[in-house]
Amino acid sequence: MSDLEDLKKELEVIELEERLEMVQLIAADAADGPQSPNGNSSCCFGSGH
């Protein structure tokens, strides 16, 4: 039975990691979005300064 519990824990961790990745992707998209065209992510690369 302990093996089954370990598998459940591993699955929970994988699901949490996938959700975290999704949240990070969405946050990155929002940072690059029209709300902040000169945000931290784009100001250093696009500009010639």
C-alpha atoms as a PDB file:
ATOM      1  CA  MET A   1       0.000   0.000   0.000  1.00  0.00           C
ATOM      2  CA  SER A   2       2.902   2.368   0.639  1.00  0.00           C
ATOM      3  CA  ASP A   3       3.954   2.101  -3.022  1.00  0.00           C
ATOM      4  CA  LEU A   4       0.516   3.302  -4.067  1.00  0.00           C
ATOM      5  CA  GLU A   5       0.741   6.240  -1.682  1.00  0.00           C
ATOM      6  CA  ASP A   6       4.166   7.153  -3.060  1.00  0.00           C
ATOM      7  CA  LEU A   7       2.765   7.117  -6.600  1.00  0.00           C
ATOM      8  CA  LYS A   8      -0.083   9.391  -5.546  1.00  0.00           C
ATOM      9  CA  LYS A   9       2.379  11.843  -4.003  1.00  0.00           C
ATOM     10  CA  GLU A  10       4.513  11.827  -7.162  1.00  0.00           C
ATOM     11  CA  LEU A  11       1.447  12.507  -9.309  1.00  0.00           C
ATOM     12  CA  GLU A  12       0.427  15.401  -7.061  1.00  0.00           C
ATOM     13  CA  VAL A  13       3.906  16.931  -7.347  1.00  0.00           C
ATOM     14  CA  ILE A  14       3.867  16.585 -11.148  1.00  0.00           C
ATOM     15  CA  GLU A  15       0.437  18.214 -11.358  1.00  0.00           C
ATOM     16  CA  LEU A  16       1.575  21.095  -9.137  1.00  0.00           C
ATOM     17  CA  GLU A  17       4.700  21.622 -11.256  1.00  0.00           C
ATOM     18  CA  GLU A  18       2.614  21.681 -14.435  1.00  0.00           C
ATOM     19  CA  ARG A  19       0.242  24.244 -12.928  1.00  0.00           C
ATOM     20  CA  LEU A  20       3.206  26.361 -11.827  1.00  0.00           C
ATOM     21  CA  GLU A  21       4.608  26.277 -15.378  1.00  0.00           C
ATOM     22  CA  MET A  22       1.244  27.351 -16.783  1.00  0.00           C
ATOM     23  CA  VAL A  23       1.030  30.234 -14.309  1.00  0.00           C
ATOM     24  CA  GLN A  24       4.561  31.353 -15.186  1.00  0.00           C
ATOM     25  CA  LEU A  25       3.772  31.202 -18.922  1.00  0.00           C
ATOM     26  CA  ILE A  26       0.599  33.228 -18.428  1.00  0.00           C
ATOM     27  CA  ALA A  27       2.469  35.758 -16.300  1.00  0.00           C
ATOM     28  CA  ALA A  28       5.176  36.064 -18.966  1.00  0.00           C
ATOM     29  CA  ASP A  29       2.533  36.583 -21.650  1.00  0.00           C
ATOM     30  CA  ALA A  30       0.858  39.237 -19.513  1.00  0.00           C
ATOM     31  CA  ALA A  31       4.179  41.018 -18.980  1.00  0.00           C
ATOM     32  CA  ASP A  32       4.789  41.063 -22.744  1.00  0.00           C
ATOM     33  CA  GLY A  33       1.199  42.030 -23.487  1.00  0.00           C
ATOM     34  CA  PRO A  34      -0.239  45.409 -24.477  1.00  0.00           C
ATOM     35  CA  GLN A  35      -0.742  46.380 -20.819  1.00  0.00           C
ATOM     36  CA  SER A  36       2.998  47.018 -20.428  1.00  0.00           C
ATOM     37  CA  PRO A  37       4.758  47.377 -23.800  1.00  0.00           C
ATOM     38  CA  ASN A  38       7.809  48.814 -22.033  1.00  0.00           C
ATOM     39  CA  GLY A  39       7.844  46.255 -19.240  1.00  0.00           C
ATOM     40  CA  ASN A  40      10.944  44.826 -17.607  1.00  0.00           C
ATOM     41  CA  SER A  41      11.052  41.907 -20.038  1.00  0.00           C
ATOM     42  CA  SER A  42      11.154  43.999 -23.228  1.00  0.00           C
ATOM     43  CA  CYS A  43      12.781  47.316 -22.251  1.00  0.00           C
ATOM     44  CA  CYS A  44      16.307  45.929 -22.068  1.00  0.00           C
ATOM     45  CA  PHE A  45      16.234  43.967 -25.346  1.00  0.00           C
ATOM     46  CA  GLY A  46      14.224  46.001 -27.875  1.00  0.00           C
ATOM     47  CA  SER A  47      15.629  49.456 -27.144  1.00  0.00           C
ATOM     48  CA  GLY A  48      19.055  50.638 -28.280  1.00  0.00           C
ATOM     49  CA  HIS A  49      19.931  52.130 -24.907  1.00  0.00           C
END
